[in-house]
Amino acid sequence: TCACHSYQTVLKVKVQEKDPMFWNRWAQQTLKNALTLQTLNTNKAKNLILFLGDGMGVPTVTAARILKGQLNGQSGEETRLEMDKFPFVSLAKTYNTNAQVPDSAGTATAYLCGVKANEGTVGVSAAAVRSQCNTTKGNEVTSILRWAKDSGKSVGIVTTTRVNHATPSAAYAHSVDRDWYSDNEMPPEALQAGCKDIARQLFENIPDIDVIMGGGRKFMFPKNQSDVEYPDVLKHSGTRKDERNLVQEWKDKMKDKKGYYVWNKKQLLSLNPNNVDYLLGLFEPSDLTYDLERNTDTDPSLTEMVDVAIKILRKNPSGFYLLVEGGRIDHGHHEGKAKQALHEAVEMDRAIGRAGLMTSIHDTLTIVTADHSHVFSFGGYTARGNTIFGLAPMVSDVDQKPFTSILYGNGPGYKLVTGARENVSTIDYQDNNYQAQAAVPLSMETHGGEDVAVFAKGPLAHLLHGVHEQNYIPHVMAYAACIGQNRDHCLSRDGAAALKPALSVMAAILTVTRLLYVLVIVINALILYTWQKGLC
């Protein structure tokens, strides 16, 4: 029945598409919508939301769009993602200061702290050297989450990875090594020199982060302490050599502040957000499970976490800043598992839609972007409506074997069978964990170096246009919300983000010019009227 419905939907679209009027009407409607953007939204942004699809390059966005449509019984190509509906789109250059193809730590420092940095480092400038503890001090840079908190806003972090992974950690930590998750992962000399692990910094650097949700439980508990959910699995036990229980310390501190700690979906959804001011949710020992494999009874989805986070944060009359990471898009690609990666991207798009329903474009600046891309692609002259995980319509004219539309430039999918490329028609290439074929054998697929898209809506979203350096993003967000540096434009009486002084003067001159023009017309009319009366 489902396949029949899908076929009928695709057939209907194709009949419509044969009529030129179908395309003309669509284009004319798009044109009308575009013309409305002439009136720019220059309100002050009360709320700021950054959705970060880790590894979500443009090919991933396109493939996720097709998947979203096909999951809804459509051919997929004509589907609109929630981010597709954002009125302003630009490109961000993702290189790190010492890397042409970047990593998630240096890029996170750029789009959160406004400063480009070396790969592998978070919350420090390019003067800091990876893994060298003594280069930390004096090179710390603060993030927009800190700027928002200092201005009186509520702040939150929601991720599908560890809460002390590269992306979220740049929001609060200053570490010359992204892998220093707990003191267990740090070299003795770094500890002796006074460097702190990232899990500690989560609670100590900005002690009152209002909402923290994701994975990473084991880095918060004493070494070998059994995990609450997997008590018999040794690899999920606590890792901390200092024997500190950071979760218990947080609970003790927040017991009189309406603070709640949860570790499963039932506990999360049983909370009344109106009675919660602080929330710590750690749902897995390490990263959250892939959405395709998620236990929907015990593990919350990204959309569910975002829903609760916004309900808590929006109670603050001064507004909020929320960082949301679809972090396992990246992991799916690294493993060559395109199906996992694309379903993660579709789930993040659902979360974007939920956030859109809970906020207003009049006072909320929402940005969707990626830290970097991957060497992921799809092609092969596939027909309209072909399953995104399907085969190309022809076989190779070199080895006469079929191939999937999705391929990787490198990664674990490289495989030879008796000295030749594997025949994919002999295996289940639509399996959730199928590793797409790759050109170069690597145990982990690599990032890509091309620019990534930046989608924006809300107050001053038009400031994201053309091609920018990635570190420009938090400066736009801070400017729109009147936090951080250069706040002179925020002095207008109505609270709206005013134009820069130079532009204000120009506007005043234009206004005076118009008034003089009108005055000349009135005087001329009076002279003409008097002259006509004289003739009579």
Protein backbone atom coordinates (compact mmCIF):
# COMPACT_ATOMS: atom_id res chain seq x y z
CA THR A 1 0.00 0.00 0.00
CA CYS A 2 2.77 2.40 0.93
CA ALA A 3 4.69 1.71 -2.28
CA CYS A 4 1.49 2.21 -4.30
CA HIS A 5 0.79 5.52 -2.57
CA SER A 6 4.36 6.65 -3.25
CA TYR A 7 4.07 5.74 -6.94
CA GLN A 8 0.76 7.58 -7.32
CA THR A 9 2.21 10.70 -5.66
CA VAL A 10 5.22 10.72 -7.94
CA LEU A 11 3.02 10.11 -11.00
CA LYS A 12 0.76 13.03 -10.07
CA VAL A 13 3.74 15.36 -9.70
CA LYS A 14 5.13 14.31 -13.05
CA VAL A 15 1.82 15.01 -14.81
CA GLN A 16 1.73 18.49 -13.28
CA GLU A 17 5.30 19.10 -14.29
CA LYS A 18 4.53 18.56 -17.96
CA ASP A 19 2.50 21.78 -17.93
CA PRO A 20 4.67 24.93 -18.24
CA MET A 21 2.07 26.81 -16.18
CA PHE A 22 2.94 24.64 -13.17
CA TRP A 23 6.50 25.92 -13.18
CA ASN A 24 5.48 29.47 -14.07
CA ARG A 25 3.00 29.68 -11.17
CA TRP A 26 5.56 28.26 -8.77
CA ALA A 27 8.21 30.74 -9.92
CA GLN A 28 5.78 33.67 -9.73
CA GLN A 29 4.81 32.77 -6.18
CA THR A 30 8.48 32.47 -5.25
CA LEU A 31 9.06 35.89 -6.82
CA LYS A 32 6.25 37.45 -4.76
CA ASN A 33 7.73 35.94 -1.61
CA ALA A 34 11.17 37.26 -2.53
CA LEU A 35 9.82 40.78 -3.01
CA THR A 36 8.55 40.82 0.57
CA LEU A 37 12.17 40.51 1.74
CA GLN A 38 12.73 44.10 0.63
CA THR A 39 11.34 45.05 4.04
CA LEU A 40 14.21 43.95 6.25
CA ASN A 41 13.68 42.75 9.81
CA THR A 42 15.75 45.15 11.92
CA ASN A 43 14.21 44.24 15.28
CA LYS A 44 16.41 43.49 18.23
CA ALA A 45 16.82 39.74 18.62
CA LYS A 46 15.55 38.71 22.02
CA ASN A 47 16.39 35.05 21.38
CA LEU A 48 19.23 33.39 19.49
CA ILE A 49 19.26 29.79 18.25
CA LEU A 50 22.15 28.14 16.40
CA PHE A 51 21.52 24.73 14.84
CA LEU A 52 24.80 23.08 13.96
CA GLY A 53 24.70 20.02 11.74
CA ASP A 54 28.12 18.49 12.36
CA GLY A 55 29.49 17.45 8.98
CA MET A 56 26.34 18.63 7.17
CA GLY A 57 27.84 19.79 3.88
CA VAL A 58 25.69 20.85 0.94
CA PRO A 59 25.56 17.32 -0.58
CA THR A 60 24.27 16.08 2.79
CA VAL A 61 21.60 18.81 2.86
CA THR A 62 20.42 17.85 -0.64
CA ALA A 63 20.38 14.13 0.09
CA ALA A 64 18.55 14.71 3.41
CA ARG A 65 15.93 16.76 1.54
CA ILE A 66 15.31 13.86 -0.85
CA LEU A 67 15.18 11.37 2.04
CA LYS A 68 12.70 13.54 3.95
CA GLY A 69 10.40 13.61 0.92
CA GLN A 70 10.72 9.89 0.29
CA LEU A 71 9.90 9.13 3.92
CA ASN A 72 6.67 11.06 3.28
CA GLY A 73 5.81 9.09 0.14
CA GLN A 74 7.07 11.69 -2.34
CA SER A 75 9.77 11.49 -4.97
CA GLY A 76 11.82 13.73 -2.70
CA GLU A 77 13.63 16.19 -4.92
CA GLU A 78 10.91 18.85 -4.73
CA THR A 79 10.58 18.57 -0.93
CA ARG A 80 11.49 21.52 1.28
CA LEU A 81 13.50 21.09 4.42
CA GLU A 82 12.72 23.47 7.26
CA MET A 83 16.06 25.14 6.65
CA ASP A 84 15.14 25.54 2.96
CA LYS A 85 12.39 27.92 4.06
CA PHE A 86 14.83 30.35 5.66
CA PRO A 87 14.90 33.56 3.59
CA PHE A 88 18.64 34.24 3.72
CA VAL A 89 21.44 31.88 2.75
CA SER A 90 25.18 32.45 2.61
CA LEU A 91 28.35 30.39 2.52
CA ALA A 92 31.00 30.05 5.23
CA LYS A 93 34.66 29.26 4.66
CA THR A 94 35.58 26.54 7.12
CA TYR A 95 39.38 26.26 7.09
CA ASN A 96 41.24 26.31 10.41
CA THR A 97 44.22 28.58 10.94
CA ASN A 98 46.55 25.62 10.39
CA ALA A 99 44.35 23.34 8.28
CA GLN A 100 42.90 23.56 4.80
CA VAL A 101 40.39 20.82 5.65
CA PRO A 102 39.21 21.57 9.20
CA ASP A 103 38.15 19.63 12.26
CA SER A 104 35.14 20.20 14.52
CA ALA A 105 37.09 21.85 17.34
CA GLY A 106 38.77 24.68 15.44
CA THR A 107 35.55 25.36 13.53
CA ALA A 108 33.48 25.40 16.74
CA THR A 109 35.82 28.04 18.15
CA ALA A 110 35.16 30.08 15.00
CA TYR A 111 31.33 30.00 14.94
CA LEU A 112 30.98 30.23 18.73
CA CYS A 113 33.85 32.47 19.84
CA GLY A 114 34.22 34.57 16.71
CA VAL A 115 37.91 33.73 16.31
CA LYS A 116 39.50 31.24 13.92
CA ALA A 117 41.76 28.73 15.64
CA ASN A 118 43.99 25.68 15.16
CA GLU A 119 42.49 22.26 14.59
CA GLY A 120 41.95 20.19 17.72
CA THR A 121 41.66 23.19 20.07
CA VAL A 122 38.54 24.69 21.65
CA GLY A 123 37.98 28.11 23.15
CA VAL A 124 41.55 29.28 22.58
CA SER A 125 43.12 31.45 19.89
CA ALA A 126 45.54 30.30 17.20
CA ALA A 127 48.40 31.26 19.53
CA ALA A 128 47.64 28.08 21.49
CA VAL A 129 49.30 24.86 20.32
CA ARG A 130 47.42 21.56 20.38
CA SER A 131 48.20 19.35 23.39
CA GLN A 132 50.66 21.89 24.86
CA CYS A 133 49.07 22.86 28.17
CA ASN A 134 51.42 25.79 28.78
CA THR A 135 50.06 27.58 25.70
CA THR A 136 46.55 27.82 27.18
CA LYS A 137 46.87 30.69 29.64
CA GLY A 138 46.43 34.10 28.09
CA ASN A 139 45.03 32.66 24.86
CA GLU A 140 41.49 31.93 26.07
CA VAL A 141 38.60 33.32 24.00
CA THR A 142 34.99 33.50 25.19
CA SER A 143 31.91 32.33 23.33
CA ILE A 144 28.60 33.90 22.42
CA LEU A 145 26.99 31.62 25.02
CA ARG A 146 29.09 33.44 27.63
CA TRP A 147 28.24 36.84 26.13
CA ALA A 148 24.54 35.97 26.29
CA LYS A 149 24.78 34.73 29.88
CA ASP A 150 26.64 37.85 30.95
CA SER A 151 23.88 40.00 29.42
CA GLY A 152 21.19 38.29 31.52
CA LYS A 153 19.88 35.77 29.02
CA SER A 154 19.27 32.11 29.75
CA VAL A 155 21.57 29.77 27.83
CA GLY A 156 21.40 26.15 26.77
CA ILE A 157 23.30 23.38 24.99
CA VAL A 158 21.58 20.41 23.36
CA THR A 159 23.57 17.79 21.44
CA THR A 160 23.36 14.21 20.23
CA THR A 161 27.05 13.70 21.07
CA ARG A 162 28.84 13.93 24.40
CA VAL A 163 28.19 17.30 26.04
CA ASN A 164 31.97 17.63 26.30
CA HIS A 165 32.56 16.82 22.62
CA ALA A 166 34.22 19.32 20.25
CA THR A 167 31.18 21.36 19.22
CA PRO A 168 29.54 22.02 22.61
CA SER A 169 32.84 22.36 24.47
CA ALA A 170 33.86 25.49 22.55
CA ALA A 171 30.83 27.19 24.13
CA TYR A 172 32.29 26.97 27.65
CA ALA A 173 35.78 25.41 27.69
CA HIS A 174 39.32 26.58 26.99
CA SER A 175 41.30 23.49 26.06
CA VAL A 176 44.33 22.97 23.85
CA ASP A 177 43.12 19.42 23.19
CA ARG A 178 39.57 18.50 22.25
CA ASP A 179 40.15 14.93 23.48
CA TRP A 180 40.69 15.88 27.14
CA TYR A 181 37.15 14.76 28.00
CA SER A 182 38.04 13.92 31.62
CA ASP A 183 41.29 13.81 33.57
CA ASN A 184 41.58 10.17 32.50
CA GLU A 185 42.33 11.26 28.92
CA MET A 186 44.92 13.88 29.90
CA PRO A 187 48.70 13.36 30.09
CA PRO A 188 50.14 13.69 33.62
CA GLU A 189 52.24 16.71 32.66
CA ALA A 190 49.12 18.62 31.55
CA LEU A 191 47.40 17.92 34.87
CA GLN A 192 50.50 18.91 36.81
CA ALA A 193 50.68 22.16 34.82
CA GLY A 194 47.15 23.02 35.96
CA CYS A 195 45.10 22.34 32.83
CA LYS A 196 41.52 21.22 33.45
CA ASP A 197 39.61 18.52 31.64
CA ILE A 198 36.60 19.60 29.58
CA ALA A 199 33.96 17.91 31.78
CA ARG A 200 35.17 19.94 34.78
CA GLN A 201 35.09 23.12 32.74
CA LEU A 202 31.47 22.46 31.78
CA PHE A 203 30.45 23.00 35.40
CA GLU A 204 33.15 25.41 36.59
CA ASN A 205 33.75 27.95 33.79
CA ILE A 206 30.13 29.08 33.37
CA PRO A 207 28.57 27.51 36.48
CA ASP A 208 24.96 28.42 35.73
CA ILE A 209 24.35 27.13 32.21
CA ASP A 210 20.56 26.77 32.36
CA VAL A 211 20.08 23.72 30.13
CA ILE A 212 22.60 20.99 29.28
CA MET A 213 21.43 17.91 27.37
CA GLY A 214 23.26 15.18 25.49
CA GLY A 215 25.50 12.23 26.26
CA GLY A 216 28.76 11.86 28.14
CA ARG A 217 27.73 10.47 31.54
CA LYS A 218 30.86 8.40 32.08
CA PHE A 219 33.17 11.43 32.06
CA MET A 220 31.31 12.89 35.04
CA PHE A 221 31.72 9.94 37.45
CA PRO A 222 34.60 8.36 39.41
CA LYS A 223 36.70 5.77 37.59
CA ASN A 224 35.08 2.32 37.44
CA GLN A 225 31.80 3.48 38.98
CA SER A 226 29.07 1.47 37.22
CA ASP A 227 26.75 3.30 34.87
CA VAL A 228 23.14 3.62 35.96
CA GLU A 229 21.80 2.29 32.64
CA TYR A 230 24.49 -0.27 31.75
CA PRO A 231 25.80 -1.48 35.15
CA ASP A 232 27.44 -4.60 33.68
CA VAL A 233 29.22 -2.95 30.74
CA LEU A 234 32.72 -1.99 31.81
CA LYS A 235 33.40 0.45 28.96
CA HIS A 236 30.45 2.57 30.14
CA SER A 237 31.77 2.96 33.70
CA GLY A 238 33.06 6.24 35.08
CA THR A 239 36.45 7.53 33.94
CA ARG A 240 37.46 10.22 36.44
CA LYS A 241 40.76 9.60 38.24
CA ASP A 242 40.13 12.49 40.64
CA GLU A 243 37.19 10.50 42.05
CA ARG A 244 34.87 13.48 41.68
CA ASN A 245 31.17 12.93 40.96
CA LEU A 246 30.40 16.03 38.91
CA VAL A 247 26.72 15.14 38.57
CA GLN A 248 26.25 14.89 42.32
CA GLU A 249 28.14 18.14 42.82
CA TRP A 250 25.80 19.82 40.31
CA LYS A 251 22.71 18.35 42.01
CA ASP A 252 23.88 19.55 45.43
CA LYS A 253 24.47 23.03 44.10
CA MET A 254 21.13 23.23 42.31
CA LYS A 255 18.86 21.57 44.88
CA ASP A 256 17.42 24.91 46.00
CA LYS A 257 17.41 26.45 42.50
CA LYS A 258 14.78 24.30 40.78
CA GLY A 259 17.53 22.22 39.19
CA TYR A 260 16.85 18.69 37.92
CA TYR A 261 19.10 15.89 36.68
CA VAL A 262 17.61 13.27 34.30
CA TRP A 263 19.13 10.36 32.41
CA ASN A 264 16.24 8.91 30.41
CA LYS A 265 13.30 10.00 28.27
CA LYS A 266 10.64 9.22 30.86
CA GLN A 267 12.27 11.44 33.45
CA LEU A 268 12.74 14.22 30.90
CA LEU A 269 9.19 14.28 29.63
CA SER A 270 7.70 13.99 33.12
CA LEU A 271 9.17 17.37 34.07
CA ASN A 272 6.99 20.46 34.11
CA PRO A 273 9.22 23.06 32.38
CA ASN A 274 7.41 25.83 34.27
CA ASN A 275 8.87 24.46 37.48
CA VAL A 276 12.38 23.89 36.11
CA ASP A 277 15.05 26.61 36.01
CA TYR A 278 18.09 24.40 35.49
CA LEU A 279 18.29 21.05 33.71
CA LEU A 280 21.12 18.56 33.29
CA GLY A 281 20.21 15.64 31.04
CA LEU A 282 22.83 12.98 30.31
CA PHE A 283 21.18 10.17 28.36
CA GLU A 284 24.12 7.92 27.44
CA PRO A 285 27.61 7.15 28.82
CA SER A 286 29.12 8.54 25.62
CA ASP A 287 27.32 9.73 22.46
CA LEU A 288 23.60 9.22 22.02
CA THR A 289 22.59 6.31 19.79
CA TYR A 290 21.83 6.95 16.13
CA ASP A 291 18.24 8.01 15.60
CA LEU A 292 17.60 4.93 13.44
CA GLU A 293 18.65 2.73 16.37
CA ARG A 294 17.21 4.85 19.17
CA ASN A 295 15.03 3.17 21.78
CA THR A 296 12.02 5.47 21.49
CA ASP A 297 10.77 4.38 24.93
CA THR A 298 13.91 5.29 26.87
CA ASP A 299 15.95 7.72 24.72
CA PRO A 300 14.69 11.20 23.77
CA SER A 301 14.97 12.43 20.21
CA LEU A 302 16.75 15.66 19.35
CA THR A 303 13.34 17.24 18.68
CA GLU A 304 12.07 16.25 22.13
CA MET A 305 15.17 17.66 23.81
CA VAL A 306 14.86 20.94 21.88
CA ASP A 307 11.19 21.20 22.82
CA VAL A 308 11.92 20.92 26.55
CA ALA A 309 14.95 23.22 26.32
CA ILE A 310 13.01 26.07 24.71
CA LYS A 311 10.13 25.71 27.18
CA ILE A 312 12.60 26.22 30.03
CA LEU A 313 14.72 28.94 28.44
CA ARG A 314 11.91 31.12 27.09
CA LYS A 315 10.66 31.90 30.61
CA ASN A 316 13.43 34.47 30.93
CA PRO A 317 12.00 37.89 29.96
CA SER A 318 15.46 38.85 28.68
CA GLY A 319 15.44 35.97 26.20
CA PHE A 320 17.86 33.11 25.58
CA TYR A 321 20.73 31.65 23.54
CA LEU A 322 20.49 27.99 22.53
CA LEU A 323 23.11 25.87 20.77
CA VAL A 324 21.68 22.72 19.17
CA GLU A 325 24.00 20.16 17.58
CA GLY A 326 22.98 17.34 15.29
CA GLY A 327 26.34 15.81 16.05
CA ARG A 328 26.02 12.29 14.77
CA ILE A 329 25.57 13.30 11.13
CA ASP A 330 29.34 13.53 11.27
CA HIS A 331 29.78 10.13 12.88
CA GLY A 332 27.61 8.42 10.28
CA HIS A 333 29.75 9.84 7.50
CA HIS A 334 33.03 8.96 9.23
CA GLU A 335 31.85 5.36 9.41
CA GLY A 336 30.76 5.42 5.77
CA LYS A 337 27.18 4.82 6.91
CA ALA A 338 25.27 7.30 4.78
CA LYS A 339 21.87 6.02 5.89
CA GLN A 340 22.65 6.76 9.54
CA ALA A 341 24.05 10.20 8.66
CA LEU A 342 21.09 11.26 6.52
CA HIS A 343 18.47 10.11 9.04
CA GLU A 344 20.34 12.18 11.65
CA ALA A 345 20.08 15.19 9.33
CA VAL A 346 16.35 14.65 8.82
CA GLU A 347 15.84 14.46 12.60
CA MET A 348 17.71 17.71 13.05
CA ASP A 349 15.42 19.28 10.47
CA ARG A 350 12.43 18.13 12.54
CA ALA A 351 13.97 19.87 15.54
CA ILE A 352 14.39 23.04 13.48
CA GLY A 353 10.69 22.87 12.63
CA ARG A 354 9.73 22.42 16.27
CA ALA A 355 11.84 25.40 17.32
CA GLY A 356 10.20 27.46 14.59
CA LEU A 357 6.75 26.69 15.96
CA MET A 358 7.81 27.69 19.47
CA THR A 359 9.43 31.02 18.56
CA SER A 360 8.76 34.04 16.36
CA ILE A 361 10.82 35.44 13.49
CA HIS A 362 10.03 38.89 14.90
CA ASP A 363 12.27 38.45 17.94
CA THR A 364 14.26 35.23 17.35
CA LEU A 365 17.31 34.97 15.10
CA THR A 366 17.73 31.36 14.04
CA ILE A 367 20.77 30.17 12.11
CA VAL A 368 21.37 26.70 10.66
CA THR A 369 24.82 25.77 9.45
CA ALA A 370 27.57 23.14 9.52
CA ASP A 371 31.08 23.15 10.87
CA HIS A 372 32.49 21.38 7.82
CA SER A 373 31.55 18.99 5.04
CA HIS A 374 32.54 15.39 4.19
CA VAL A 375 33.81 13.59 1.09
CA PHE A 376 30.25 12.36 0.57
CA SER A 377 28.49 12.57 -2.78
CA PHE A 378 25.63 11.11 -4.76
CA GLY A 379 25.32 10.88 -8.54
CA GLY A 380 25.27 8.40 -11.37
CA TYR A 381 22.41 9.88 -13.44
CA THR A 382 19.73 8.41 -11.20
CA ALA A 383 16.10 8.86 -12.30
CA ARG A 384 13.66 11.17 -10.55
CA GLY A 385 12.34 9.57 -7.37
CA ASN A 386 15.08 6.93 -7.21
CA THR A 387 15.60 5.95 -3.59
CA ILE A 388 18.50 8.01 -2.29
CA PHE A 389 20.11 4.78 -1.09
CA GLY A 390 19.59 3.02 -4.42
CA LEU A 391 21.67 2.02 -7.42
CA ALA A 392 22.62 4.14 -10.38
CA PRO A 393 20.64 3.12 -13.49
CA MET A 394 23.67 1.82 -15.34
CA VAL A 395 26.65 -0.39 -14.63
CA SER A 396 30.23 0.80 -14.81
CA ASP A 397 31.55 0.79 -18.37
CA VAL A 398 34.94 -0.17 -16.96
CA ASP A 399 34.27 -3.14 -14.65
CA GLN A 400 30.66 -3.83 -15.76
CA LYS A 401 29.38 -3.85 -12.18
CA PRO A 402 26.54 -1.83 -10.63
CA PHE A 403 27.21 0.96 -8.16
CA THR A 404 25.18 2.90 -5.61
CA SER A 405 24.34 6.53 -6.18
CA ILE A 406 25.95 7.42 -2.84
CA LEU A 407 29.74 7.12 -2.76
CA TYR A 408 32.58 8.41 -0.59
CA GLY A 409 35.93 9.80 -1.70
CA ASN A 410 37.63 7.75 1.03
CA GLY A 411 36.70 5.64 4.03
CA PRO A 412 35.96 2.16 5.34
CA GLY A 413 33.71 1.27 2.39
CA TYR A 414 36.69 0.50 0.17
CA LYS A 415 36.59 -3.23 -0.45
CA LEU A 416 38.10 -5.64 -2.97
CA VAL A 417 36.77 -9.15 -3.66
CA THR A 418 39.31 -11.36 -5.43
CA GLY A 419 41.21 -8.27 -6.47
CA ALA A 420 38.24 -6.40 -7.94
CA ARG A 421 35.54 -3.99 -6.76
CA GLU A 422 32.76 -5.69 -4.84
CA ASN A 423 29.53 -6.31 -6.73
CA VAL A 424 27.03 -4.33 -4.63
CA SER A 425 24.03 -6.15 -6.12
CA THR A 426 25.10 -9.24 -4.12
CA ILE A 427 24.74 -7.45 -0.75
CA ASP A 428 22.08 -5.45 1.08
CA TYR A 429 23.16 -1.91 0.17
CA GLN A 430 20.02 -0.48 1.83
CA ASP A 431 20.90 -1.84 5.27
CA ASN A 432 21.03 0.81 8.01
CA ASN A 433 24.74 0.17 8.55
CA TYR A 434 25.83 -0.45 4.97
CA GLN A 435 29.15 1.27 4.30
CA ALA A 436 29.04 2.90 0.89
CA GLN A 437 31.93 2.20 -1.46
CA ALA A 438 34.90 4.53 -1.21
CA ALA A 439 37.74 5.33 -3.61
CA VAL A 440 40.53 5.23 -1.01
CA PRO A 441 40.73 2.78 1.92
CA LEU A 442 40.69 4.45 5.34
CA SER A 443 39.43 3.17 8.68
CA MET A 444 37.52 6.47 9.06
CA GLU A 445 36.28 8.70 6.23
CA THR A 446 37.56 12.28 6.30
CA HIS A 447 36.03 15.72 6.34
CA GLY A 448 35.64 17.77 3.17
CA GLY A 449 37.11 21.20 2.72
CA GLU A 450 34.45 23.07 0.74
CA ASP A 451 32.33 25.96 2.01
CA VAL A 452 29.16 25.15 3.96
CA ALA A 453 25.73 26.77 3.77
CA VAL A 454 24.47 29.20 6.42
CA PHE A 455 20.67 29.53 6.58
CA ALA A 456 19.25 32.47 8.55
CA LYS A 457 15.85 33.90 9.56
CA GLY A 458 14.71 36.53 12.03
CA PRO A 459 16.12 39.90 13.14
CA LEU A 460 19.06 41.08 11.00
CA ALA A 461 19.29 37.70 9.25
CA HIS A 462 20.12 39.61 6.07
CA LEU A 463 23.58 40.32 7.48
CA LEU A 464 24.40 36.75 6.47
CA HIS A 465 24.83 37.11 2.71
CA GLY A 466 27.45 36.16 0.15
CA VAL A 467 30.59 34.35 1.29
CA HIS A 468 31.99 34.91 4.78
CA GLU A 469 34.65 33.60 7.10
CA GLN A 470 33.06 31.18 9.56
CA ASN A 471 34.01 33.30 12.57
CA TYR A 472 31.66 36.06 11.29
CA ILE A 473 28.59 34.09 12.45
CA PRO A 474 28.65 34.82 16.22
CA HIS A 475 29.42 38.49 15.55
CA VAL A 476 26.19 38.76 13.54
CA MET A 477 24.22 37.02 16.29
CA ALA A 478 25.70 39.23 19.00
CA TYR A 479 25.05 42.37 16.95
CA ALA A 480 21.42 41.36 16.41
CA ALA A 481 20.89 40.71 20.12
CA CYS A 482 22.87 43.70 21.40
CA ILE A 483 25.29 41.55 23.39
CA GLY A 484 29.07 41.32 23.33
CA GLN A 485 30.96 44.09 21.56
CA ASN A 486 29.77 47.02 19.33
CA ARG A 487 26.43 47.75 21.00
CA ASP A 488 26.23 51.44 20.07
CA HIS A 489 23.49 50.68 17.53
CA CYS A 490 21.20 49.49 20.35
CA LEU A 491 20.50 52.88 21.87
CA SER A 492 17.17 53.64 20.16
CA ARG A 493 14.23 54.20 22.51
CA ASP A 494 11.96 51.49 21.14
CA GLY A 495 14.54 48.75 21.72
CA ALA A 496 14.85 47.94 18.04
CA ALA A 497 18.30 47.49 16.62
CA ALA A 498 18.95 50.89 15.11
CA LEU A 499 21.06 51.62 12.07
CA LYS A 500 24.68 52.61 12.44
CA PRO A 501 25.23 56.34 13.12
CA ALA A 502 26.55 56.98 9.61
CA LEU A 503 23.46 55.48 8.08
CA SER A 504 21.25 57.37 10.55
CA VAL A 505 22.73 60.70 9.44
CA MET A 506 22.19 59.77 5.82
CA ALA A 507 18.59 58.84 6.57
CA ALA A 508 18.07 62.19 8.33
CA ILE A 509 19.49 64.06 5.34
CA LEU A 510 17.16 62.18 2.99
CA THR A 511 14.20 62.98 5.24
CA VAL A 512 15.03 66.71 5.31
CA THR A 513 15.50 66.67 1.53
CA ARG A 514 12.06 65.11 1.06
CA LEU A 515 10.48 67.74 3.37
CA LEU A 516 12.13 70.59 1.44
CA TYR A 517 10.91 69.06 -1.81
CA VAL A 518 7.34 68.94 -0.47
CA LEU A 519 7.66 72.54 0.82
CA VAL A 520 8.77 73.78 -2.63
CA ILE A 521 5.76 72.06 -4.23
CA VAL A 522 3.38 73.70 -1.72
CA ILE A 523 4.92 77.18 -2.25
CA ASN A 524 4.68 76.79 -6.02
CA ALA A 525 1.05 75.75 -5.70
CA LEU A 526 0.27 78.84 -3.57
CA ILE A 527 2.00 81.15 -6.05
CA LEU A 528 0.06 79.60 -8.91
CA TYR A 529 -3.21 79.90 -6.99
CA THR A 530 -2.54 83.59 -6.15
CA TRP A 531 -1.61 84.35 -9.78
CA GLN A 532 -4.81 82.68 -11.03
CA LYS A 533 -6.89 84.70 -8.54
CA GLY A 534 -5.22 87.89 -9.77
CA LEU A 535 -6.18 87.09 -13.35
CA CYS A 536 -9.80 86.78 -12.32
